[in-house]
Amino acid sequence: MARRPRPTADAADLARADGWAGVSGALTENAAATGGAQFAARAVLTEVQLLALWRQNWIAREAVERMADDATSAWPTLTIDGLVEADVVAVWAYLDALNVKGGAPLLFASSMAWGRLYGGALLVLGIVDGGTLADPVNENTIAAIRWAKVIDSRWASVRELDNDPDSPTFGQPSMYTVRLTSGTVADVHASRALRFDGATLPDDIAEVNRGWHDSWLESRYDPIRDYGTGIRAAVKAIDKISLDVLKLKGLAQMLALPDGEDRLRVRLKALRDGFVMGNVAPIDADAEEYQILGRAIPGLPDLIDRLNRNVAGAIDVPESRLFGQQTGTTRTGAESDERSYEADVRKLRVRELQPALERLLHLAMIARDGPTRGKEPEWALDWPPLFEHDRETEAKADKLEAEAHAIAVQSGALDPLEFRSAYDGGRGGVVLDPEITASMQITAAEPPAPPALPVPPPARE
């Protein structure tokens, strides 16, 4: 398969300097120069750079994998009408058999992760229905699903779009050209694959990009790079936090001798060898003095905290999850970050994971040799909570939320007869209705009188 490469640039452009051009003029006394600052287009990360970044930078790996892993960490409960638990187990076992390395959850996590890294991925299904990979799936003749293989966008490209205006998939890919193995290239109909995308691009740009979207790392490259640069600078600063001092009596006279520098070099080597051999400092008690001077680096902890917070926000992972703790932030702020992250993971699950999983379950159930022998019963998926929360923490959060609602009602900002809680943090919300507000003895304050309208001046004669 002739692959069209991703957009590249000259080697000089791949350094990816800051995208804002002309900013230096804005830092001068010439205020008019600020109008020259603009955002300049720069090289898109190549496939080689994306792979190297993912393999060698743990922050980049977290940005790609964390949300996909969390979305698949809690697998849904499958309820099937008229079937016993053993039949439900058989359905999941059928899907798990498609991926012997880790079952269905890992199969979907890998699909989403590769899609996020390279801008898109396909989960190609080996459906046995009498047709070829290039034929649309015939759901009336499906015998089995033999295999499933994840193909990222490096080895797959959109060959055809659905150009039928009456089709429900109008404008979407209908055929892909895929390299299944090192020696196998095939056209795959869209009905035989599940698609996972990266960061969405406009259709015209995606078309130029072989039908795929952007890597999740593309817009996050700069903060990831800045984090690495900042941490390296902090490490260098820590290396200089102490200074070894060796006082030698008569040092100035020694250096004035023709062999003075050599004698000093020999003395320092002996001192270094002593540290290497036994962590001892052999010095002359009468003529030498050795000490270690410590130096404070003000602001270094705050700098590291800011770097942590910045990169965590850039890759959409809470600081507490990325680094194991969250410093410099109130507990309420940390909980807010967690709730926001849960909403993002839930969105990924609903928009991408669940439709793909439902499609695979449907195909498995209508397969003649499938777990339900070709008869698809009524079934439903019930997703468990994404994360387990501490009950005490939840109770405190509910109490704070209820108090905030009560204050809002008392101030007249909310009407207790009309307000129904719209907030849901994933575990139910605080609900205020007339009965509850009556039991709380909350009455809405009288709304303030509207301001008097200005009196127009008399008309001039």
Protein backbone atom coordinates (compact mmCIF):
# COMPACT_ATOMS: atom_id res chain seq x y z
CA MET A 1 0.00 0.00 0.00
CA ALA A 2 1.44 3.35 -1.01
CA ARG A 3 1.27 5.45 2.13
CA ARG A 4 0.88 9.18 1.96
CA PRO A 5 3.08 10.60 4.73
CA ARG A 6 1.81 12.99 7.34
CA PRO A 7 2.67 16.63 6.67
CA THR A 8 6.34 17.26 7.39
CA ALA A 9 8.69 20.21 7.39
CA ASP A 10 12.35 20.96 6.90
CA ALA A 11 14.70 19.77 9.61
CA ALA A 12 15.22 23.33 10.77
CA ASP A 13 11.50 23.73 11.41
CA LEU A 14 11.16 20.60 13.54
CA ALA A 15 12.66 22.32 16.58
CA ARG A 16 9.14 23.70 17.12
CA ALA A 17 10.00 27.06 18.59
CA ASP A 18 7.21 28.99 20.26
CA GLY A 19 4.37 29.55 17.82
CA TRP A 20 3.97 33.24 18.58
CA ALA A 21 5.98 35.37 16.18
CA GLY A 22 6.82 39.06 16.55
CA VAL A 23 6.35 39.08 20.32
CA SER A 24 9.82 40.49 20.92
CA GLY A 25 8.68 43.82 19.52
CA ALA A 26 5.89 43.89 22.09
CA LEU A 27 8.48 43.85 24.87
CA THR A 28 10.10 47.09 23.71
CA GLU A 29 9.04 50.63 24.44
CA ASN A 30 7.34 50.85 21.05
CA ALA A 31 3.72 50.12 21.92
CA ALA A 32 2.78 49.95 18.24
CA ALA A 33 4.92 46.83 17.88
CA THR A 34 2.38 44.78 19.81
CA GLY A 35 0.21 44.69 16.73
CA GLY A 36 2.89 42.67 14.96
CA ALA A 37 2.57 39.68 17.29
CA GLN A 38 0.80 36.79 15.62
CA PHE A 39 0.51 33.03 15.87
CA ALA A 40 2.58 31.35 13.16
CA ALA A 41 1.79 27.90 11.76
CA ARG A 42 4.48 25.35 12.46
CA ALA A 43 5.34 21.76 11.64
CA VAL A 44 2.95 19.02 12.70
CA LEU A 45 4.54 16.27 14.76
CA THR A 46 5.58 13.39 12.54
CA GLU A 47 4.77 9.75 13.23
CA VAL A 48 8.38 9.15 14.26
CA GLN A 49 8.25 12.05 16.71
CA LEU A 50 4.91 10.91 18.14
CA LEU A 51 6.20 7.40 18.74
CA ALA A 52 9.43 8.66 20.35
CA LEU A 53 7.50 11.09 22.55
CA TRP A 54 5.12 8.37 23.72
CA ARG A 55 7.88 5.84 24.37
CA GLN A 56 10.32 8.14 26.14
CA ASN A 57 8.19 10.69 27.98
CA TRP A 58 5.97 9.48 30.80
CA ILE A 59 3.80 12.59 30.74
CA ALA A 60 3.03 12.00 27.06
CA ARG A 61 2.20 8.36 27.78
CA GLU A 62 -0.17 9.42 30.55
CA ALA A 63 -1.84 11.90 28.20
CA VAL A 64 -2.45 9.12 25.69
CA GLU A 65 -3.33 6.19 27.93
CA ARG A 66 -4.72 7.41 31.25
CA MET A 67 -8.19 8.41 30.11
CA ALA A 68 -8.57 5.32 27.90
CA ASP A 69 -7.51 3.07 30.78
CA ASP A 70 -9.88 4.74 33.23
CA ALA A 71 -12.78 4.54 30.77
CA THR A 72 -12.32 0.75 30.51
CA SER A 73 -11.27 0.04 34.11
CA ALA A 74 -14.86 -0.56 35.24
CA TRP A 75 -16.60 -2.84 32.72
CA PRO A 76 -20.39 -2.59 32.39
CA THR A 77 -22.95 -5.06 33.64
CA LEU A 78 -24.77 -6.80 30.79
CA THR A 79 -28.43 -7.60 31.40
CA ILE A 80 -30.10 -10.00 28.94
CA ASP A 81 -33.81 -10.75 29.12
CA GLY A 82 -34.63 -14.43 29.51
CA LEU A 83 -31.04 -15.60 29.95
CA VAL A 84 -29.29 -16.81 33.07
CA GLU A 85 -25.99 -15.57 34.44
CA ALA A 86 -24.06 -18.33 32.68
CA ASP A 87 -25.31 -17.03 29.31
CA VAL A 88 -24.13 -13.51 30.16
CA VAL A 89 -20.72 -14.89 31.11
CA ALA A 90 -20.63 -16.69 27.77
CA VAL A 91 -21.20 -13.40 25.91
CA TRP A 92 -18.29 -11.69 27.64
CA ALA A 93 -16.12 -14.77 27.15
CA TYR A 94 -16.88 -14.65 23.41
CA LEU A 95 -15.66 -11.05 23.24
CA ASP A 96 -12.65 -11.72 25.46
CA ALA A 97 -11.57 -14.53 23.13
CA LEU A 98 -11.03 -11.94 20.39
CA ASN A 99 -8.04 -10.65 22.37
CA VAL A 100 -6.11 -13.41 24.09
CA LYS A 101 -3.64 -10.90 25.58
CA GLY A 102 -6.11 -9.17 27.89
CA GLY A 103 -9.72 -9.62 26.92
CA ALA A 104 -12.21 -7.10 25.58
CA PRO A 105 -11.37 -4.24 28.02
CA LEU A 106 -7.73 -4.16 26.93
CA LEU A 107 -8.79 -4.45 23.29
CA PHE A 108 -10.89 -1.30 23.54
CA ALA A 109 -8.36 0.53 25.73
CA SER A 110 -5.66 -0.14 23.13
CA SER A 111 -7.95 1.02 20.31
CA MET A 112 -8.69 4.31 22.05
CA ALA A 113 -5.06 4.84 23.09
CA TRP A 114 -3.66 4.31 19.58
CA GLY A 115 -6.38 6.54 18.22
CA ARG A 116 -5.38 9.28 20.65
CA LEU A 117 -1.67 8.87 19.85
CA TYR A 118 -1.86 8.80 16.05
CA GLY A 119 -5.11 10.68 15.43
CA GLY A 120 -7.18 7.58 14.71
CA ALA A 121 -7.33 3.79 14.78
CA LEU A 122 -9.50 0.96 13.49
CA LEU A 123 -10.57 -2.19 15.30
CA VAL A 124 -10.94 -4.49 12.30
CA LEU A 125 -13.23 -7.48 12.88
CA GLY A 126 -12.80 -10.88 11.27
CA ILE A 127 -16.50 -11.43 10.54
CA VAL A 128 -17.37 -14.69 8.80
CA ASP A 129 -20.48 -14.04 6.68
CA GLY A 130 -19.54 -15.39 3.25
CA GLY A 131 -18.18 -12.05 2.02
CA THR A 132 -14.74 -10.51 1.77
CA LEU A 133 -13.29 -7.74 3.90
CA ALA A 134 -14.22 -5.26 1.17
CA ASP A 135 -17.91 -6.29 1.18
CA PRO A 136 -20.51 -4.74 3.49
CA VAL A 137 -21.39 -7.00 6.40
CA ASN A 138 -24.41 -9.21 5.70
CA GLU A 139 -25.99 -9.46 9.14
CA ASN A 140 -28.32 -12.24 7.97
CA THR A 141 -25.46 -14.65 7.27
CA ILE A 142 -22.95 -13.99 10.05
CA ALA A 143 -21.57 -17.28 11.30
CA ALA A 144 -18.93 -16.04 13.72
CA ILE A 145 -16.38 -13.36 14.57
CA ARG A 146 -12.97 -15.02 14.45
CA TRP A 147 -10.59 -12.21 15.34
CA ALA A 148 -10.18 -8.51 16.05
CA LYS A 149 -7.08 -6.46 15.26
CA VAL A 150 -6.20 -2.87 16.17
CA ILE A 151 -4.74 -0.88 13.24
CA ASP A 152 -3.61 2.69 13.92
CA SER A 153 -3.72 5.46 11.33
CA ARG A 154 -0.13 4.85 10.21
CA TRP A 155 -1.30 1.71 8.43
CA ALA A 156 -4.82 2.64 7.41
CA SER A 157 -6.25 5.33 5.17
CA VAL A 158 -9.71 6.26 3.96
CA ARG A 159 -10.20 5.06 0.40
CA GLU A 160 -13.83 5.97 -0.20
CA LEU A 161 -16.52 8.14 1.37
CA ASP A 162 -20.24 7.46 1.37
CA ASN A 163 -21.49 9.88 -1.29
CA ASP A 164 -25.17 8.87 -1.12
CA PRO A 165 -27.14 11.87 0.27
CA ASP A 166 -29.93 9.50 1.35
CA SER A 167 -27.57 7.31 3.38
CA PRO A 168 -27.43 7.71 7.18
CA THR A 169 -23.63 7.57 6.87
CA PHE A 170 -23.40 10.21 4.13
CA GLY A 171 -19.99 11.87 4.08
CA GLN A 172 -18.42 9.27 6.36
CA PRO A 173 -15.76 6.73 5.33
CA SER A 174 -17.18 3.66 3.62
CA MET A 175 -13.93 1.91 2.69
CA TYR A 176 -10.44 1.80 4.16
CA THR A 177 -7.14 0.51 2.79
CA VAL A 178 -5.42 -1.31 5.64
CA ARG A 179 -2.13 -3.10 6.18
CA LEU A 180 -3.25 -6.02 8.34
CA THR A 181 0.20 -7.66 8.58
CA SER A 182 3.63 -6.96 7.13
CA GLY A 183 2.63 -8.80 3.95
CA THR A 184 -1.14 -8.31 3.84
CA VAL A 185 -2.83 -5.18 2.53
CA ALA A 186 -6.57 -5.22 2.04
CA ASP A 187 -9.58 -2.98 1.46
CA VAL A 188 -11.85 -3.11 4.50
CA HIS A 189 -15.47 -1.99 4.43
CA ALA A 190 -16.40 0.39 7.22
CA SER A 191 -19.07 -1.99 8.50
CA ARG A 192 -16.31 -4.47 9.39
CA ALA A 193 -14.38 -2.07 11.59
CA LEU A 194 -14.91 0.10 14.65
CA ARG A 195 -13.33 3.55 14.40
CA PHE A 196 -11.63 5.52 17.18
CA ASP A 197 -10.52 9.11 16.60
CA GLY A 198 -8.01 11.50 18.12
CA ALA A 199 -8.41 15.27 18.43
CA THR A 200 -11.06 16.29 15.91
CA LEU A 201 -10.06 18.23 12.80
CA PRO A 202 -12.29 19.92 10.21
CA ASP A 203 -13.32 17.56 7.42
CA ASP A 204 -11.22 19.25 4.75
CA ILE A 205 -8.03 19.00 6.84
CA ALA A 206 -8.81 15.41 7.87
CA GLU A 207 -9.22 14.51 4.20
CA VAL A 208 -5.69 15.76 3.46
CA ASN A 209 -4.51 13.77 6.50
CA ARG A 210 -5.58 10.45 4.88
CA GLY A 211 -9.00 10.69 6.52
CA TRP A 212 -7.72 10.95 10.09
CA HIS A 213 -7.64 13.56 12.82
CA ASP A 214 -4.87 15.02 15.00
CA SER A 215 -2.86 13.27 17.64
CA TRP A 216 -3.93 14.07 21.17
CA LEU A 217 -0.35 15.16 21.79
CA GLU A 218 -0.26 17.75 19.01
CA SER A 219 -1.74 20.65 20.97
CA ARG A 220 -0.17 19.44 24.21
CA TYR A 221 3.39 19.19 22.96
CA ASP A 222 4.48 22.64 24.12
CA PRO A 223 3.38 22.29 27.79
CA ILE A 224 4.86 18.78 27.91
CA ARG A 225 8.14 20.14 26.53
CA ASP A 226 8.05 23.10 28.92
CA TYR A 227 7.50 20.76 31.86
CA GLY A 228 10.55 18.70 30.92
CA THR A 229 12.63 21.85 30.46
CA GLY A 230 11.51 23.23 33.82
CA ILE A 231 12.19 20.00 35.70
CA ARG A 232 15.65 19.70 34.16
CA ALA A 233 16.40 23.27 35.24
CA ALA A 234 15.18 22.46 38.76
CA VAL A 235 17.42 19.37 38.90
CA LYS A 236 20.42 21.45 37.85
CA ALA A 237 19.57 23.95 40.57
CA ILE A 238 19.37 21.16 43.15
CA ASP A 239 22.78 19.89 42.03
CA LYS A 240 24.17 23.29 42.99
CA ILE A 241 22.37 23.46 46.33
CA SER A 242 25.62 22.53 48.12
CA LEU A 243 29.18 23.70 47.56
CA ASP A 244 32.28 21.77 48.63
CA VAL A 245 35.00 24.06 50.08
CA LEU A 246 38.58 22.96 50.71
CA LYS A 247 40.77 25.48 52.51
CA LEU A 248 44.48 24.97 51.85
CA LYS A 249 47.09 26.88 53.83
CA GLY A 250 49.48 28.64 51.48
CA LEU A 251 47.30 28.05 48.39
CA ALA A 252 48.30 31.35 46.76
CA GLN A 253 52.00 30.60 47.22
CA MET A 254 51.49 27.07 45.84
CA LEU A 255 49.85 28.36 42.66
CA ALA A 256 52.73 30.80 42.17
CA LEU A 257 55.15 27.89 41.81
CA PRO A 258 55.87 26.46 38.33
CA ASP A 259 54.28 23.13 39.28
CA GLY A 260 51.67 24.68 41.58
CA GLU A 261 48.65 23.77 39.47
CA ASP A 262 49.85 20.18 39.14
CA ARG A 263 50.34 19.90 42.90
CA LEU A 264 46.82 21.26 43.48
CA ARG A 265 45.41 18.84 40.94
CA VAL A 266 47.11 15.91 42.67
CA ARG A 267 45.73 17.03 46.05
CA LEU A 268 42.16 17.30 44.75
CA LYS A 269 42.44 13.88 43.10
CA ALA A 270 43.52 12.35 46.39
CA LEU A 271 40.54 13.96 48.10
CA ARG A 272 38.17 12.68 45.40
CA ASP A 273 39.65 9.17 45.58
CA GLY A 274 39.05 9.16 49.30
CA PHE A 275 35.36 9.89 48.74
CA VAL A 276 35.10 7.18 46.09
CA MET A 277 36.82 4.46 48.12
CA GLY A 278 35.33 5.03 51.53
CA ASN A 279 33.35 8.25 51.56
CA VAL A 280 36.10 9.85 53.65
CA ALA A 281 37.91 13.16 53.27
CA PRO A 282 41.62 12.76 54.02
CA ILE A 283 42.86 16.24 55.02
CA ASP A 284 45.83 17.72 56.85
CA ALA A 285 44.62 18.60 60.32
CA ASP A 286 47.03 21.52 60.62
CA ALA A 287 47.01 22.96 57.11
CA GLU A 288 43.62 22.09 55.58
CA GLU A 289 39.92 22.45 56.30
CA TYR A 290 37.05 20.80 54.37
CA GLN A 291 33.40 21.82 54.66
CA ILE A 292 30.14 21.72 52.72
CA LEU A 293 28.22 24.96 52.39
CA GLY A 294 24.48 24.79 51.78
CA ARG A 295 22.71 27.33 49.61
CA ALA A 296 19.01 28.10 49.69
CA ILE A 297 17.08 28.23 46.43
CA PRO A 298 14.05 30.40 47.16
CA GLY A 299 10.90 29.62 45.24
CA LEU A 300 12.00 26.23 43.92
CA PRO A 301 9.15 24.21 45.54
CA ASP A 302 6.60 26.73 44.25
CA LEU A 303 8.13 26.51 40.78
CA ILE A 304 7.82 22.71 40.74
CA ASP A 305 4.22 22.94 41.98
CA ARG A 306 3.38 25.36 39.17
CA LEU A 307 5.03 23.10 36.59
CA ASN A 308 3.05 20.12 37.89
CA ARG A 309 -0.20 22.04 37.85
CA ASN A 310 0.37 23.42 34.37
CA VAL A 311 1.17 20.12 32.70
CA ALA A 312 -1.66 18.31 34.53
CA GLY A 313 -4.14 20.88 33.25
CA ALA A 314 -2.71 20.65 29.74
CA ILE A 315 -3.16 16.88 29.43
CA ASP A 316 -6.56 16.91 31.22
CA VAL A 317 -5.49 14.63 34.08
CA PRO A 318 -5.91 15.83 37.70
CA GLU A 319 -2.67 16.60 39.45
CA SER A 320 -3.55 14.17 42.24
CA ARG A 321 -3.82 11.32 39.73
CA LEU A 322 -0.75 12.29 37.74
CA PHE A 323 1.64 12.83 40.65
CA GLY A 324 -0.10 10.96 43.46
CA GLN A 325 -0.82 14.14 45.42
CA GLN A 326 -1.92 17.70 44.83
CA THR A 327 -0.08 20.52 46.57
CA GLY A 328 -0.85 24.19 46.67
CA THR A 329 -4.56 23.59 46.03
CA THR A 330 -7.48 23.51 48.45
CA ARG A 331 -9.27 20.24 48.99
CA THR A 332 -12.35 21.69 47.35
CA GLY A 333 -10.27 22.59 44.29
CA ALA A 334 -8.81 19.09 44.10
CA GLU A 335 -12.28 17.56 44.33
CA SER A 336 -13.47 19.91 41.60
CA ASP A 337 -10.62 18.73 39.36
CA GLU A 338 -11.58 15.12 40.06
CA ARG A 339 -15.21 15.74 39.19
CA SER A 340 -14.24 17.53 36.00
CA TYR A 341 -11.97 14.63 35.04
CA GLU A 342 -14.73 12.11 35.74
CA ALA A 343 -17.02 14.10 33.45
CA ASP A 344 -14.38 13.95 30.70
CA VAL A 345 -13.90 10.20 31.10
CA ARG A 346 -17.66 9.67 31.14
CA LYS A 347 -17.92 11.69 27.93
CA LEU A 348 -15.27 9.50 26.28
CA ARG A 349 -17.12 6.41 27.43
CA VAL A 350 -20.49 7.59 26.13
CA ARG A 351 -19.34 9.04 22.82
CA GLU A 352 -16.73 6.51 21.74
CA LEU A 353 -16.52 3.40 23.91
CA GLN A 354 -20.18 2.53 24.38
CA PRO A 355 -21.26 2.80 20.70
CA ALA A 356 -18.34 0.60 19.64
CA LEU A 357 -19.00 -1.95 22.38
CA GLU A 358 -22.72 -2.05 21.57
CA ARG A 359 -21.93 -2.63 17.89
CA LEU A 360 -19.61 -5.52 18.73
CA LEU A 361 -22.15 -7.06 21.13
CA HIS A 362 -24.85 -6.84 18.45
CA LEU A 363 -22.68 -8.58 15.86
CA ALA A 364 -21.65 -11.28 18.36
CA MET A 365 -25.24 -12.05 19.33
CA ILE A 366 -26.55 -12.35 15.78
CA ALA A 367 -23.68 -14.66 14.81
CA ARG A 368 -24.89 -18.22 14.22
CA ASP A 369 -22.06 -19.71 16.26
CA GLY A 370 -22.09 -16.83 18.75
CA PRO A 371 -22.98 -16.91 22.44
CA THR A 372 -26.74 -16.57 21.81
CA ARG A 373 -26.75 -18.79 18.70
CA GLY A 374 -27.84 -16.11 16.27
CA LYS A 375 -30.84 -14.86 18.25
CA GLU A 376 -30.42 -11.40 19.72
CA PRO A 377 -32.56 -10.95 22.84
CA GLU A 378 -33.37 -7.66 24.55
CA TRP A 379 -30.29 -6.52 26.38
CA ALA A 380 -28.84 -3.45 28.08
CA LEU A 381 -25.55 -2.19 29.46
CA ASP A 382 -25.29 -0.66 32.92
CA TRP A 383 -22.04 1.16 33.61
CA PRO A 384 -20.81 1.29 37.21
CA PRO A 385 -19.44 4.49 38.74
CA LEU A 386 -16.09 5.44 37.31
CA PHE A 387 -14.33 5.82 40.65
CA GLU A 388 -15.04 4.83 44.22
CA HIS A 389 -15.34 7.86 46.49
CA ASP A 390 -14.76 7.98 50.19
CA ARG A 391 -18.14 8.13 51.94
CA GLU A 392 -16.96 10.76 54.41
CA THR A 393 -15.67 12.93 51.57
CA GLU A 394 -18.95 12.56 49.71
CA ALA A 395 -20.96 13.47 52.80
CA LYS A 396 -18.89 16.61 53.34
CA ALA A 397 -19.24 17.58 49.69
CA ASP A 398 -23.01 17.08 49.85
CA LYS A 399 -23.20 19.17 53.02
CA LEU A 400 -21.27 22.04 51.43
CA GLU A 401 -23.42 21.85 48.32
CA ALA A 402 -26.64 21.87 50.34
CA GLU A 403 -25.47 24.87 52.35
CA ALA A 404 -24.61 26.73 49.14
CA HIS A 405 -28.08 26.01 47.74
CA ALA A 406 -29.73 27.15 51.00
CA ILE A 407 -27.81 30.44 50.93
CA ALA A 408 -28.83 30.96 47.31
CA VAL A 409 -32.49 30.39 48.19
CA GLN A 410 -32.35 32.67 51.23
CA SER A 411 -30.76 35.47 49.21
CA GLY A 412 -33.44 35.21 46.56
CA ALA A 413 -31.02 34.09 43.87
CA LEU A 414 -33.01 30.83 43.55
CA ASP A 415 -36.74 30.27 43.84
CA PRO A 416 -37.42 27.21 46.06
CA LEU A 417 -40.71 26.56 44.24
CA GLU A 418 -39.02 26.31 40.87
CA PHE A 419 -35.50 25.16 41.62
CA ARG A 420 -34.73 21.52 40.96
CA SER A 421 -31.11 20.55 41.27
CA ALA A 422 -29.48 20.34 37.88
CA TYR A 423 -26.07 19.32 39.16
CA ASP A 424 -25.13 15.65 39.12
CA GLY A 425 -21.63 14.71 40.11
CA GLY A 426 -22.06 11.12 38.96
CA ARG A 427 -23.54 9.89 42.28
CA GLY A 428 -26.76 11.85 42.49
CA GLY A 429 -27.13 15.46 43.50
CA VAL A 430 -28.69 17.58 46.20
CA VAL A 431 -32.33 18.10 45.31
CA LEU A 432 -34.36 21.01 46.61
CA ASP A 433 -38.09 20.92 46.00
CA PRO A 434 -41.03 22.60 47.80
CA GLU A 435 -41.36 19.86 50.42
CA ILE A 436 -37.67 19.87 51.25
CA THR A 437 -37.41 23.63 51.36
CA ALA A 438 -40.50 23.76 53.58
CA SER A 439 -38.92 21.31 56.02
CA MET A 440 -35.77 23.45 56.00
CA GLN A 441 -37.95 26.51 56.77
CA ILE A 442 -36.35 28.42 53.93
CA THR A 443 -38.22 31.36 52.53
CA ALA A 444 -37.16 33.30 49.50
CA ALA A 445 -36.28 36.89 50.14
CA GLU A 446 -38.36 39.60 48.55
CA PRO A 447 -36.78 40.51 45.24
CA PRO A 448 -35.33 44.01 45.18
CA ALA A 449 -37.41 46.72 43.60
CA PRO A 450 -36.44 47.45 40.02
CA PRO A 451 -34.38 50.59 39.58
CA ALA A 452 -36.27 53.71 38.61
CA LEU A 453 -36.11 54.53 34.95
CA PRO A 454 -34.32 57.76 34.12
CA VAL A 455 -36.64 60.68 33.36
CA PRO A 456 -35.95 62.04 29.88
CA PRO A 457 -35.15 65.74 29.73
CA PRO A 458 -37.90 68.03 28.45
CA ALA A 459 -37.98 68.55 24.77
CA ARG A 460 -36.34 71.71 23.59
CA GLU A 461 -38.62 74.20 21.96
